[in-house]
């Protein structure tokens, strides 16, 4: 029931930024039970092809399996993925989910979104 402090509060340095990520606020349906609890809706803080950070004051325990569904901007097709809670953070309060099962099409949509957002940010300067 308690938190494992080592990786729950902040990831180890070598576990960080394996994929490029961008700030992205979208509504994400999160199902934290194996049988399906109908899901909770949380907002994302950032997104990468490897996972997503979700904002909440009550994160699930590390290694909890989750199912996610969300829509990317300008895309009608929902992204569906399964993942595992990788770590928690206090500020902003939330948790990171590492994707464990995601279709190649969904991962490519995320890559496209990340690449476009990075290009837009770079061209703004």
Protein backbone atom coordinates (compact mmCIF):
# COMPACT_ATOMS: atom_id res chain seq x y z
CA UNK A 1 0.00 0.00 0.00
CA UNK A 2 2.99 2.31 0.49
CA UNK A 3 5.12 3.98 -2.12
CA UNK A 4 8.49 2.71 -3.23
CA UNK A 5 10.44 5.92 -2.93
CA UNK A 6 13.34 5.15 -5.30
CA UNK A 7 11.43 5.09 -8.55
CA UNK A 8 8.02 6.28 -7.47
CA UNK A 9 8.86 9.88 -6.74
CA UNK A 10 11.38 10.50 -9.49
CA UNK A 11 12.77 8.17 -12.16
CA UNK A 12 16.45 7.28 -12.19
CA UNK A 13 18.45 9.48 -14.55
CA UNK A 14 19.12 6.60 -16.97
CA UNK A 15 15.37 5.86 -17.20
CA UNK A 16 14.51 9.37 -18.34
CA UNK A 17 13.93 10.70 -21.82
CA UNK A 18 14.36 7.55 -23.86
CA UNK A 19 11.94 9.08 -26.37
CA UNK A 20 11.36 12.70 -27.34
CA UNK A 21 8.36 14.10 -25.53
CA UNK A 22 6.25 17.20 -25.82
CA UNK A 23 3.82 19.02 -23.57
CA UNK A 24 0.33 17.94 -24.55
CA UNK A 25 -2.90 18.39 -22.62
CA UNK A 26 -5.54 15.87 -23.69
CA UNK A 27 -8.22 14.01 -21.76
CA UNK A 28 -7.24 10.37 -21.19
CA UNK A 29 -9.54 7.56 -20.08
CA UNK A 30 -7.60 5.39 -17.65
CA UNK A 31 -8.77 1.93 -16.59
CA UNK A 32 -6.69 0.65 -13.68
CA UNK A 33 -8.37 -2.70 -13.11
CA UNK A 34 -7.71 -5.92 -14.96
CA UNK A 35 -11.43 -6.58 -15.46
CA UNK A 36 -12.32 -3.02 -16.44
CA UNK A 37 -13.68 -0.49 -13.94
CA UNK A 38 -15.18 1.83 -16.51
CA UNK A 39 -12.21 4.13 -16.23
CA UNK A 40 -11.30 7.50 -14.82
CA UNK A 41 -10.62 10.58 -16.89
CA UNK A 42 -7.36 12.41 -16.31
CA UNK A 43 -5.45 15.05 -18.23
CA UNK A 44 -2.05 14.38 -19.72
CA UNK A 45 0.90 16.66 -19.04
CA UNK A 46 3.21 15.33 -21.75
CA UNK A 47 3.42 12.57 -24.32
CA UNK A 48 6.08 10.53 -26.07
CA UNK A 49 6.07 7.41 -28.26
CA UNK A 50 7.10 5.49 -25.14
CA UNK A 51 4.49 6.74 -22.69
CA UNK A 52 2.44 9.52 -21.16
CA UNK A 53 2.46 11.54 -17.92
CA UNK A 54 -0.98 11.92 -16.32
CA UNK A 55 -2.01 14.54 -13.78
CA UNK A 56 -3.69 13.40 -10.55
CA UNK A 57 -3.34 13.75 -6.80
CA UNK A 58 -4.10 10.03 -6.35
CA UNK A 59 -1.79 8.00 -8.58
CA UNK A 60 -2.00 4.21 -8.69
CA UNK A 61 0.89 2.20 -7.30
CA UNK A 62 3.98 1.59 -9.40
CA UNK A 63 3.77 -1.36 -11.75
CA UNK A 64 -0.04 -1.13 -11.84
CA UNK A 65 -1.27 -2.19 -15.27
CA UNK A 66 -3.52 0.34 -16.99
CA UNK A 67 -5.51 0.64 -20.19
CA UNK A 68 -5.57 4.05 -21.83
CA UNK A 69 -7.66 5.69 -24.51
CA UNK A 70 -7.26 9.25 -25.81
CA UNK A 71 -7.52 11.34 -28.95
CA UNK A 72 -4.67 13.38 -30.33
CA UNK A 73 -5.31 16.90 -31.67
CA UNK A 74 -6.68 16.92 -35.23
CA UNK A 75 -7.15 13.14 -35.20
CA UNK A 76 -10.53 11.41 -35.03
CA UNK A 77 -9.07 7.96 -34.40
CA UNK A 78 -8.58 7.18 -30.70
CA UNK A 79 -5.24 5.93 -29.45
CA UNK A 80 -5.64 2.81 -27.33
CA UNK A 81 -2.76 1.42 -25.35
CA UNK A 82 -1.90 -0.69 -22.36
CA UNK A 83 0.85 0.28 -20.01
CA UNK A 84 2.40 0.12 -16.60
CA UNK A 85 2.77 2.84 -14.00
CA UNK A 86 6.50 3.60 -14.12
CA UNK A 87 6.87 6.31 -11.46
CA UNK A 88 5.15 9.08 -9.50
CA UNK A 89 5.95 12.73 -9.11
CA UNK A 90 4.75 15.32 -6.61
CA UNK A 91 5.03 18.52 -8.66
CA UNK A 92 3.13 18.51 -10.87
CA UNK A 93 1.30 15.73 -9.10
CA UNK A 94 0.84 12.68 -11.26
CA UNK A 95 2.33 9.51 -12.68
CA UNK A 96 4.07 8.23 -15.77
CA UNK A 97 2.76 5.31 -17.80
CA UNK A 98 5.18 3.34 -19.96
CA UNK A 99 3.36 1.81 -22.94
CA UNK A 100 3.62 -1.99 -22.96
CA UNK A 101 1.10 -2.73 -25.72
CA UNK A 102 0.26 -0.25 -28.43
CA UNK A 103 -0.42 -0.73 -32.11
CA UNK A 104 2.20 0.47 -34.56
CA UNK A 105 -0.43 2.77 -36.08
CA UNK A 106 -1.08 4.42 -32.70
CA UNK A 107 2.62 4.75 -31.95
CA UNK A 108 3.13 6.35 -35.38
CA UNK A 109 0.31 8.85 -34.66
CA UNK A 110 2.09 9.77 -31.44
CA UNK A 111 5.43 10.11 -33.24
CA UNK A 112 3.80 12.35 -35.85
CA UNK A 113 2.24 14.51 -33.13
CA UNK A 114 5.53 14.79 -31.21
CA UNK A 115 7.52 15.59 -34.37
CA UNK A 116 5.02 18.25 -35.48
CA UNK A 117 4.89 19.88 -32.07
CA UNK A 118 8.70 19.91 -31.83
CA UNK A 119 8.93 21.47 -35.31
CA UNK A 120 6.34 24.11 -34.42
CA UNK A 121 8.21 24.98 -31.21
CA UNK A 122 11.57 25.16 -33.00
CA UNK A 123 10.20 27.39 -35.76
CA UNK A 124 8.72 29.78 -33.19
CA UNK A 125 12.23 30.81 -32.11
